[in-house]
C-alpha atoms as a PDB file:
ATOM      1  CA  MET A   1       6.042  22.344  -6.584  1.00  0.00           C
ATOM      2  CA  HIS A   2       7.652  20.244  -9.514  1.00  0.00           C
ATOM      3  CA  PRO A   3      10.841  18.098  -9.693  1.00  0.00           C
ATOM      4  CA  PRO A   4      14.038  19.312 -10.379  1.00  0.00           C
ATOM      5  CA  ALA A   5      14.944  18.519 -14.337  1.00  0.00           C
ATOM      6  CA  LEU A   6      15.246  15.306 -15.468  1.00  0.00           C
ATOM      7  CA  ARG A   7      18.840  14.462 -17.014  1.00  0.00           C
ATOM      8  CA  LEU A   8      18.173  14.107 -20.952  1.00  0.00           C
ATOM      9  CA  ALA A   9      21.034  11.415 -22.853  1.00  0.00           C
ATOM     10  CA  PRO A  10      21.396  10.482 -26.219  1.00  0.00           C
ATOM     11  CA  LEU A  11      20.435   7.088 -27.095  1.00  0.00           C
ATOM     12  CA  LYS A  12      22.858   4.590 -26.683  1.00  0.00           C
ATOM     13  CA  SER A  13      21.434   2.086 -28.635  1.00  0.00           C
ATOM     14  CA  ALA A  14      18.420   2.852 -31.242  1.00  0.00           C
ATOM     15  CA  CYS A  15      15.150   0.250 -31.333  1.00  0.00           C
ATOM     16  CA  SER A  16      16.239  -1.995 -33.442  1.00  0.00           C
ATOM     17  CA  SER A  17      18.829  -2.932 -31.646  1.00  0.00           C
ATOM     18  CA  CYS A  18      16.942  -2.958 -28.022  1.00  0.00           C
ATOM     19  CA  ASN A  19      16.421  -6.273 -26.442  1.00  0.00           C
ATOM     20  CA  LEU A  20      12.870  -5.120 -25.391  1.00  0.00           C
ATOM     21  CA  ARG A  21      11.774  -4.761 -28.948  1.00  0.00           C
ATOM     22  CA  GLU A  22       9.462  -7.314 -29.412  1.00  0.00           C
ATOM     23  CA  LEU A  23       7.954  -5.904 -25.998  1.00  0.00           C
ATOM     24  CA  CYS A  24       7.722  -2.266 -26.902  1.00  0.00           C
ATOM     25  CA  LEU A  25       6.110   0.005 -29.774  1.00  0.00           C
ATOM     26  CA  PRO A  26       8.692  -1.764 -32.830  1.00  0.00           C
ATOM     27  CA  VAL A  27       6.992  -5.155 -32.526  1.00  0.00           C
ATOM     28  CA  GLY A  28       5.922  -6.631 -35.222  1.00  0.00           C
ATOM     29  CA  MET A  29       7.477  -3.622 -37.322  1.00  0.00           C
ATOM     30  CA  SER A  30       9.967  -4.260 -40.303  1.00  0.00           C
ATOM     31  CA  ASN A  31      13.640  -3.139 -39.965  1.00  0.00           C
ATOM     32  CA  GLU A  32      12.842  -0.336 -42.499  1.00  0.00           C
ATOM     33  CA  GLN A  33      10.069   0.731 -40.289  1.00  0.00           C
ATOM     34  CA  VAL A  34      11.993   0.839 -36.999  1.00  0.00           C
ATOM     35  CA  ASP A  35      14.576   2.246 -38.673  1.00  0.00           C
ATOM     36  CA  LYS A  36      11.918   5.657 -39.099  1.00  0.00           C
ATOM     37  CA  LEU A  37      11.029   4.979 -35.546  1.00  0.00           C
ATOM     38  CA  ASP A  38      14.917   5.137 -34.716  1.00  0.00           C
ATOM     39  CA  GLU A  39      14.598   8.973 -35.821  1.00  0.00           C
ATOM     40  CA  LEU A  40      12.474   9.879 -33.580  1.00  0.00           C
ATOM     41  CA  VAL A  41      13.301   8.012 -30.475  1.00  0.00           C
ATOM     42  CA  SER A  42      16.347  10.267 -30.384  1.00  0.00           C
ATOM     43  CA  ALA A  43      16.594  10.542 -26.461  1.00  0.00           C
ATOM     44  CA  ARG A  44      16.864   9.167 -22.864  1.00  0.00           C
ATOM     45  CA  ARG A  45      15.808  10.162 -19.834  1.00  0.00           C
ATOM     46  CA  SER A  46      17.383   9.045 -16.142  1.00  0.00           C
ATOM     47  CA  ILE A  47      15.383   8.308 -12.831  1.00  0.00           C
ATOM     48  CA  GLU A  48      16.505   8.325  -9.712  1.00  0.00           C
ATOM     49  CA  ARG A  49      14.410   6.222  -7.070  1.00  0.00           C
ATOM     50  CA  GLY A  50      11.732   8.402  -6.082  1.00  0.00           C
ATOM     51  CA  GLN A  51      11.630  10.856  -8.876  1.00  0.00           C
ATOM     52  CA  THR A  52       8.489  11.727 -10.490  1.00  0.00           C
ATOM     53  CA  LEU A  53       8.482  11.433 -14.309  1.00  0.00           C
ATOM     54  CA  PHE A  54       5.277  13.662 -14.842  1.00  0.00           C
ATOM     55  CA  ARG A  55       2.904  14.837 -12.549  1.00  0.00           C
ATOM     56  CA  SER A  56      -0.793  15.507 -12.663  1.00  0.00           C
ATOM     57  CA  GLY A  57      -1.664  18.421 -14.660  1.00  0.00           C
ATOM     58  CA  ASP A  58       1.347  18.400 -16.502  1.00  0.00           C
ATOM     59  CA  THR A  59       1.017  19.422 -19.929  1.00  0.00           C
ATOM     60  CA  PHE A  60       1.043  16.179 -22.024  1.00  0.00           C
ATOM     61  CA  GLN A  61       3.886  16.170 -24.743  1.00  0.00           C
ATOM     62  CA  HIS A  62       5.584  12.969 -25.128  1.00  0.00           C
ATOM     63  CA  LEU A  63       4.718   9.033 -24.256  1.00  0.00           C
ATOM     64  CA  TYR A  64       7.812   7.390 -22.551  1.00  0.00           C
ATOM     65  CA  ALA A  65       8.827   3.738 -23.102  1.00  0.00           C
ATOM     66  CA  VAL A  66      10.396   2.256 -19.642  1.00  0.00           C
ATOM     67  CA  ARG A  67      13.831   0.800 -20.965  1.00  0.00           C
ATOM     68  CA  THR A  68      14.912  -0.097 -17.348  1.00  0.00           C
ATOM     69  CA  GLY A  69      13.300  -0.208 -13.526  1.00  0.00           C
ATOM     70  CA  PHE A  70       9.743  -0.011 -12.347  1.00  0.00           C
ATOM     71  CA  PHE A  71       7.751   2.797 -12.186  1.00  0.00           C
ATOM     72  CA  LYS A  72       3.934   3.521 -10.270  1.00  0.00           C
ATOM     73  CA  THR A  73       1.046   5.608 -11.834  1.00  0.00           C
ATOM     74  CA  CYS A  74      -1.114   7.154  -8.848  1.00  0.00           C
ATOM     75  CA  VAL A  75      -3.681  10.240  -8.204  1.00  0.00           C
ATOM     76  CA  ILE A  76      -4.572  12.021  -5.635  1.00  0.00           C
ATOM     77  CA  ALA A  77      -7.420  10.431  -3.748  1.00  0.00           C
ATOM     78  CA  ASP A  78     -10.536  12.724  -2.461  1.00  0.00           C
ATOM     79  CA  ASP A  79      -9.055  12.145   0.825  1.00  0.00           C
ATOM     80  CA  GLY A  80      -5.778  13.359   0.242  1.00  0.00           C
ATOM     81  CA  ARG A  81      -3.768   9.922  -0.199  1.00  0.00           C
ATOM     82  CA  ASP A  82      -1.847   8.804  -3.112  1.00  0.00           C
ATOM     83  CA  GLN A  83      -3.858   5.947  -4.834  1.00  0.00           C
ATOM     84  CA  VAL A  84      -2.160   3.431  -6.684  1.00  0.00           C
ATOM     85  CA  THR A  85      -3.564   2.971 -10.363  1.00  0.00           C
ATOM     86  CA  GLY A  86      -0.770   0.971 -12.120  1.00  0.00           C
ATOM     87  CA  PHE A  87       2.992  -0.576 -12.081  1.00  0.00           C
ATOM     88  CA  GLN A  88       4.826  -0.549 -15.212  1.00  0.00           C
ATOM     89  CA  MET A  89       7.784  -2.296 -16.140  1.00  0.00           C
ATOM     90  CA  ALA A  90      10.830  -2.340 -18.841  1.00  0.00           C
ATOM     91  CA  GLY A  91       9.090  -2.611 -22.233  1.00  0.00           C
ATOM     92  CA  GLU A  92       5.798  -0.353 -21.215  1.00  0.00           C
ATOM     93  CA  LEU A  93       4.368   2.840 -22.200  1.00  0.00           C
ATOM     94  CA  LEU A  94       3.903   5.621 -19.218  1.00  0.00           C
ATOM     95  CA  GLY A  95       2.459   9.050 -20.513  1.00  0.00           C
ATOM     96  CA  LEU A  96      -1.126   7.130 -22.391  1.00  0.00           C
ATOM     97  CA  ASP A  97      -3.651   8.742 -19.061  1.00  0.00           C
ATOM     98  CA  GLY A  98      -2.321  12.415 -21.696  1.00  0.00           C
ATOM     99  CA  ILE A  99      -3.589  11.938 -24.772  1.00  0.00           C
ATOM    100  CA  GLY A 100      -7.496  12.444 -24.738  1.00  0.00           C
ATOM    101  CA  THR A 101      -7.288  16.012 -22.806  1.00  0.00           C
ATOM    102  CA  ASP A 102      -3.170  17.216 -24.080  1.00  0.00           C
ATOM    103  CA  ARG A 103      -2.976  17.066 -19.757  1.00  0.00           C
ATOM    104  CA  HIS A 104      -1.550  13.927 -17.713  1.00  0.00           C
ATOM    105  CA  ALA A 105      -4.073  12.512 -15.449  1.00  0.00           C
ATOM    106  CA  CYS A 106      -1.854  10.729 -12.540  1.00  0.00           C
ATOM    107  CA  ASP A 107       1.409  10.985 -11.439  1.00  0.00           C
ATOM    108  CA  ALA A 108       4.244   8.744 -12.821  1.00  0.00           C
ATOM    109  CA  VAL A 109       7.075   8.140  -9.901  1.00  0.00           C
ATOM    110  CA  ALA A 110      10.427   5.460 -10.096  1.00  0.00           C
ATOM    111  CA  LEU A 111      10.087   2.714  -7.625  1.00  0.00           C
ATOM    112  CA  GLU A 112      13.486   2.220  -8.442  1.00  0.00           C
ATOM    113  CA  ASP A 113      16.245   3.863 -11.127  1.00  0.00           C
ATOM    114  CA  SER A 114      14.882   3.606 -14.085  1.00  0.00           C
ATOM    115  CA  THR A 115      15.679   5.102 -17.060  1.00  0.00           C
ATOM    116  CA  VAL A 116      13.146   5.391 -20.282  1.00  0.00           C
ATOM    117  CA  CYS A 117      12.863   6.709 -24.173  1.00  0.00           C
ATOM    118  CA  VAL A 118      11.628  10.011 -24.791  1.00  0.00           C
ATOM    119  CA  ILE A 119       9.166   9.447 -27.624  1.00  0.00           C
ATOM    120  CA  PRO A 120       7.688  13.286 -29.029  1.00  0.00           C
ATOM    121  CA  TYR A 121       3.444  12.300 -29.295  1.00  0.00           C
ATOM    122  CA  GLY A 122       3.132  14.779 -32.133  1.00  0.00           C
ATOM    123  CA  GLN A 123       6.007  13.935 -34.271  1.00  0.00           C
ATOM    124  CA  LEU A 124       4.783   9.604 -33.766  1.00  0.00           C
ATOM    125  CA  GLU A 125       1.346  10.297 -34.821  1.00  0.00           C
ATOM    126  CA  GLU A 126       2.982  12.112 -38.391  1.00  0.00           C
ATOM    127  CA  LEU A 127       4.752   8.498 -38.808  1.00  0.00           C
ATOM    128  CA  SER A 128       1.838   6.734 -37.529  1.00  0.00           C
ATOM    129  CA  LEU A 129       0.040   8.338 -40.741  1.00  0.00           C
ATOM    130  CA  GLU A 130       3.023   6.910 -43.128  1.00  0.00           C
ATOM    131  CA  VAL A 131       4.031   4.117 -40.997  1.00  0.00           C
ATOM    132  CA  THR A 132       0.542   1.982 -40.780  1.00  0.00           C
ATOM    133  CA  ASP A 133       1.766  -0.867 -39.198  1.00  0.00           C
ATOM    134  CA  LEU A 134       3.196   1.716 -36.136  1.00  0.00           C
ATOM    135  CA  GLN A 135      -0.652   2.840 -35.835  1.00  0.00           C
ATOM    136  CA  ARG A 136      -1.705  -1.213 -35.341  1.00  0.00           C
ATOM    137  CA  VAL A 137       0.650  -1.535 -32.684  1.00  0.00           C
ATOM    138  CA  PHE A 138      -0.277   1.855 -31.319  1.00  0.00           C
ATOM    139  CA  HIS A 139      -3.984   0.465 -31.369  1.00  0.00           C
ATOM    140  CA  LYS A 140      -2.955  -2.897 -29.908  1.00  0.00           C
ATOM    141  CA  ILE A 141      -0.931  -0.850 -26.924  1.00  0.00           C
ATOM    142  CA  MET A 142      -4.147   1.418 -25.638  1.00  0.00           C
ATOM    143  CA  SER A 143      -6.592  -1.601 -26.369  1.00  0.00           C
ATOM    144  CA  ARG A 144      -4.062  -3.644 -23.925  1.00  0.00           C
ATOM    145  CA  GLU A 145      -4.575  -0.549 -21.072  1.00  0.00           C
ATOM    146  CA  ILE A 146      -8.010  -0.760 -21.895  1.00  0.00           C
ATOM    147  CA  VAL A 147      -8.015  -4.832 -20.796  1.00  0.00           C
ATOM    148  CA  ARG A 148      -5.561  -3.677 -18.329  1.00  0.00           C
ATOM    149  CA  GLU A 149      -8.052  -1.553 -16.527  1.00  0.00           C
ATOM    150  CA  HIS A 150     -11.033  -3.733 -17.150  1.00  0.00           C
ATOM    151  CA  GLY A 151      -8.892  -6.700 -15.025  1.00  0.00           C
ATOM    152  CA  VAL A 152      -8.746  -3.689 -12.252  1.00  0.00           C
ATOM    153  CA  MET A 153     -12.218  -3.324 -11.960  1.00  0.00           C
ATOM    154  CA  LEU A 154     -12.683  -7.122 -11.782  1.00  0.00           C
ATOM    155  CA  LEU A 155     -10.748  -7.113  -9.232  1.00  0.00           C
ATOM    156  CA  LEU A 156     -12.176  -4.490  -6.948  1.00  0.00           C
ATOM    157  CA  GLY A 157     -15.551  -5.090  -7.797  1.00  0.00           C
ATOM    158  CA  SER A 158     -15.875  -8.839  -7.022  1.00  0.00           C
ATOM    159  CA  MET A 159     -13.069 -10.702  -5.527  1.00  0.00           C
ATOM    160  CA  ARG A 160     -11.779 -11.111  -1.792  1.00  0.00           C
ATOM    161  CA  ALA A 161      -8.288 -10.153  -0.836  1.00  0.00           C
ATOM    162  CA  GLU A 162      -6.684 -13.467  -1.223  1.00  0.00           C
ATOM    163  CA  GLU A 163      -8.004 -13.724  -4.661  1.00  0.00           C
ATOM    164  CA  ARG A 164      -6.909 -10.074  -5.447  1.00  0.00           C
ATOM    165  CA  LEU A 165      -3.763 -11.073  -4.479  1.00  0.00           C
ATOM    166  CA  ALA A 166      -3.510 -13.881  -5.921  1.00  0.00           C
ATOM    167  CA  ALA A 167      -4.256 -12.507  -9.645  1.00  0.00           C
ATOM    168  CA  PHE A 168      -1.840  -9.133  -8.982  1.00  0.00           C
ATOM    169  CA  LEU A 169       0.976 -12.065  -8.184  1.00  0.00           C
ATOM    170  CA  LEU A 170       0.150 -14.315 -11.546  1.00  0.00           C
ATOM    171  CA  ASN A 171       0.277 -10.856 -13.437  1.00  0.00           C
ATOM    172  CA  LEU A 172       2.887  -9.334 -12.217  1.00  0.00           C
ATOM    173  CA  THR A 173       5.203 -12.723 -12.644  1.00  0.00           C
ATOM    174  CA  GLN A 174       3.509 -13.040 -15.898  1.00  0.00           C
ATOM    175  CA  ARG A 175       4.893 -10.345 -17.089  1.00  0.00           C
ATOM    176  CA  LEU A 176       8.496 -10.306 -15.894  1.00  0.00           C
ATOM    177  CA  HIS A 177       8.580 -14.014 -17.075  1.00  0.00           C
ATOM    178  CA  LEU A 178       7.984 -12.298 -20.592  1.00  0.00           C
ATOM    179  CA  ARG A 179      11.314 -10.544 -20.146  1.00  0.00           C
ATOM    180  CA  GLY A 180      13.224 -13.325 -19.314  1.00  0.00           C
ATOM    181  CA  TYR A 181      13.035 -13.941 -15.740  1.00  0.00           C
ATOM    182  CA  SER A 182      11.726 -16.670 -13.694  1.00  0.00           C
ATOM    183  CA  ARG A 183       8.152 -17.424 -13.280  1.00  0.00           C
ATOM    184  CA  SER A 184       8.491 -18.021  -9.755  1.00  0.00           C
ATOM    185  CA  ALA A 185      11.250 -15.640  -7.792  1.00  0.00           C
ATOM    186  CA  LEU A 186      10.700 -12.197  -7.557  1.00  0.00           C
ATOM    187  CA  VAL A 187      11.740  -9.398  -5.724  1.00  0.00           C
ATOM    188  CA  LEU A 188       9.025  -7.060  -5.146  1.00  0.00           C
ATOM    189  CA  ARG A 189       9.899  -3.454  -6.246  1.00  0.00           C
ATOM    190  CA  MET A 190       6.885  -1.933  -4.717  1.00  0.00           C
ATOM    191  CA  SER A 191       5.900  -1.661  -0.454  1.00  0.00           C
ATOM    192  CA  ARG A 192       3.017  -3.888   0.706  1.00  0.00           C
ATOM    193  CA  GLU A 193       1.067  -0.286   1.381  1.00  0.00           C
ATOM    194  CA  GLU A 194       1.948   0.549  -2.372  1.00  0.00           C
ATOM    195  CA  ILE A 195       0.317  -2.694  -3.490  1.00  0.00           C
ATOM    196  CA  GLY A 196      -3.151  -2.807  -1.049  1.00  0.00           C
ATOM    197  CA  SER A 197      -3.488   0.720  -2.488  1.00  0.00           C
ATOM    198  CA  TYR A 198      -3.339  -0.701  -5.313  1.00  0.00           C
ATOM    199  CA  LEU A 199      -5.538  -3.549  -4.924  1.00  0.00           C
ATOM    200  CA  GLY A 200      -8.187  -1.761  -2.765  1.00  0.00           C
ATOM    201  CA  LEU A 201      -6.681  -3.367   0.667  1.00  0.00           C
ATOM    202  CA  LYS A 202      -5.718  -2.500   3.937  1.00  0.00           C
ATOM    203  CA  LEU A 203      -2.050  -2.420   4.240  1.00  0.00           C
ATOM    204  CA  GLU A 204      -2.850  -5.335   7.519  1.00  0.00           C
ATOM    205  CA  THR A 205      -4.677  -7.333   5.341  1.00  0.00           C
ATOM    206  CA  VAL A 206      -1.698  -7.257   2.540  1.00  0.00           C
ATOM    207  CA  SER A 207       0.416  -8.429   5.306  1.00  0.00           C
ATOM    208  CA  ARG A 208      -1.810 -11.070   6.705  1.00  0.00           C
ATOM    209  CA  THR A 209      -2.605 -12.091   3.145  1.00  0.00           C
ATOM    210  CA  PHE A 210       1.279 -12.778   2.442  1.00  0.00           C
ATOM    211  CA  SER A 211       1.556 -14.976   6.190  1.00  0.00           C
ATOM    212  CA  ARG A 212      -1.296 -16.897   5.337  1.00  0.00           C
ATOM    213  CA  PHE A 213      -0.213 -17.566   1.349  1.00  0.00           C
ATOM    214  CA  GLN A 214       2.748 -18.403   3.043  1.00  0.00           C
ATOM    215  CA  ALA A 215       1.772 -20.882   5.738  1.00  0.00           C
ATOM    216  CA  GLU A 216      -0.302 -22.838   3.419  1.00  0.00           C
ATOM    217  CA  GLY A 217       2.773 -23.322   1.337  1.00  0.00           C
ATOM    218  CA  ILE A 218       1.767 -21.199  -1.718  1.00  0.00           C
ATOM    219  CA  LEU A 219       4.771 -18.881  -1.305  1.00  0.00           C
ATOM    220  CA  GLU A 220       8.004 -18.460   0.961  1.00  0.00           C
ATOM    221  CA  VAL A 221       8.152 -14.688   1.959  1.00  0.00           C
ATOM    222  CA  LYS A 222      11.728 -12.725   2.221  1.00  0.00           C
ATOM    223  CA  GLN A 223      10.190  -9.188   3.237  1.00  0.00           C
ATOM    224  CA  ARG A 224      10.484  -8.264  -0.415  1.00  0.00           C
ATOM    225  CA  ASP A 225      11.532 -11.275  -2.259  1.00  0.00           C
ATOM    226  CA  ILE A 226       8.657 -13.760  -3.451  1.00  0.00           C
ATOM    227  CA  ARG A 227       9.038 -17.667  -4.184  1.00  0.00           C
ATOM    228  CA  ILE A 228       5.539 -19.189  -5.449  1.00  0.00           C
ATOM    229  CA  VAL A 229       5.940 -22.792  -4.465  1.00  0.00           C
ATOM    230  CA  ASP A 230       2.471 -24.102  -5.337  1.00  0.00           C
ATOM    231  CA  HIS A 231       1.663 -22.087  -9.100  1.00  0.00           C
ATOM    232  CA  GLU A 232      -1.647 -24.335  -9.195  1.00  0.00           C
ATOM    233  CA  GLY A 233      -2.848 -23.339  -5.758  1.00  0.00           C
ATOM    234  CA  LEU A 234      -2.327 -19.631  -6.531  1.00  0.00           C
ATOM    235  CA  ARG A 235      -4.345 -20.255  -9.764  1.00  0.00           C
ATOM    236  CA  LYS A 236      -6.738 -21.646  -8.074  1.00  0.00           C
ATOM    237  CA  LEU A 237      -7.773 -18.859  -5.957  1.00  0.00           C
ATOM    238  CA  VAL A 238      -8.656 -16.853  -9.043  1.00  0.00           C
ATOM    239  CA  ASN A 239      -9.553 -16.932 -12.398  1.00  0.00           C
ATOM    240  CA  THR A 240      -7.010 -16.395 -14.474  1.00  0.00           C
ATOM    241  CA  THR A 241      -8.513 -14.713 -17.136  1.00  0.00           C
ATOM    242  CA  ALA A 242      -9.003 -11.437 -14.835  1.00  0.00           C
ATOM    243  CA  CYS A 243      -5.401 -11.347 -14.264  1.00  0.00           C
END
């Protein structure tokens, strides 16, 4: 059964005045080019925590730029459980999975109350023919997704549990720092079970590894509040190029 219709609202601020401009589609584009993008990105959706933005099998029509909040993408594994495939935050795009087949290949679920900017993909393609810088930026975003997936494969294929969790935390804090947040303190929007699903670890293993990091003085852990005490110790656990 599909979720109730999502609330659609006009944009209160355009790409040209968005504080995520340097992280999202407009990065590197001129003011004139961004003005053209403003005409395309004309609506915003609000998604409550736990609500689904799109589901696997839905017709692909739009890309979504996360404006505020946090999402997870997931697929149904062979045993019927949700398999988390990624976590997306402000300034990142959702919906790229649907480009190849015109149908979404995963579910996108809000981990907290969130908003997204709606980008009609057909119109984006047309605009990219006119604005070559947009095409370049979009290709960079696609390349970044490929690199990210390669990094996840390395995590799942060759790393021990503590290496996987260390790489995950380093990646998460790096991405949050680009958005103006602390390098050391973060609040996990996802559960330990969801982290385990993403990293290919059991819930008990994730909890045990967090406890080990705390006992060794690498982290301070208070439920979902995490503070990295020893950055170097965390980095030593993993080859940071895999992050």
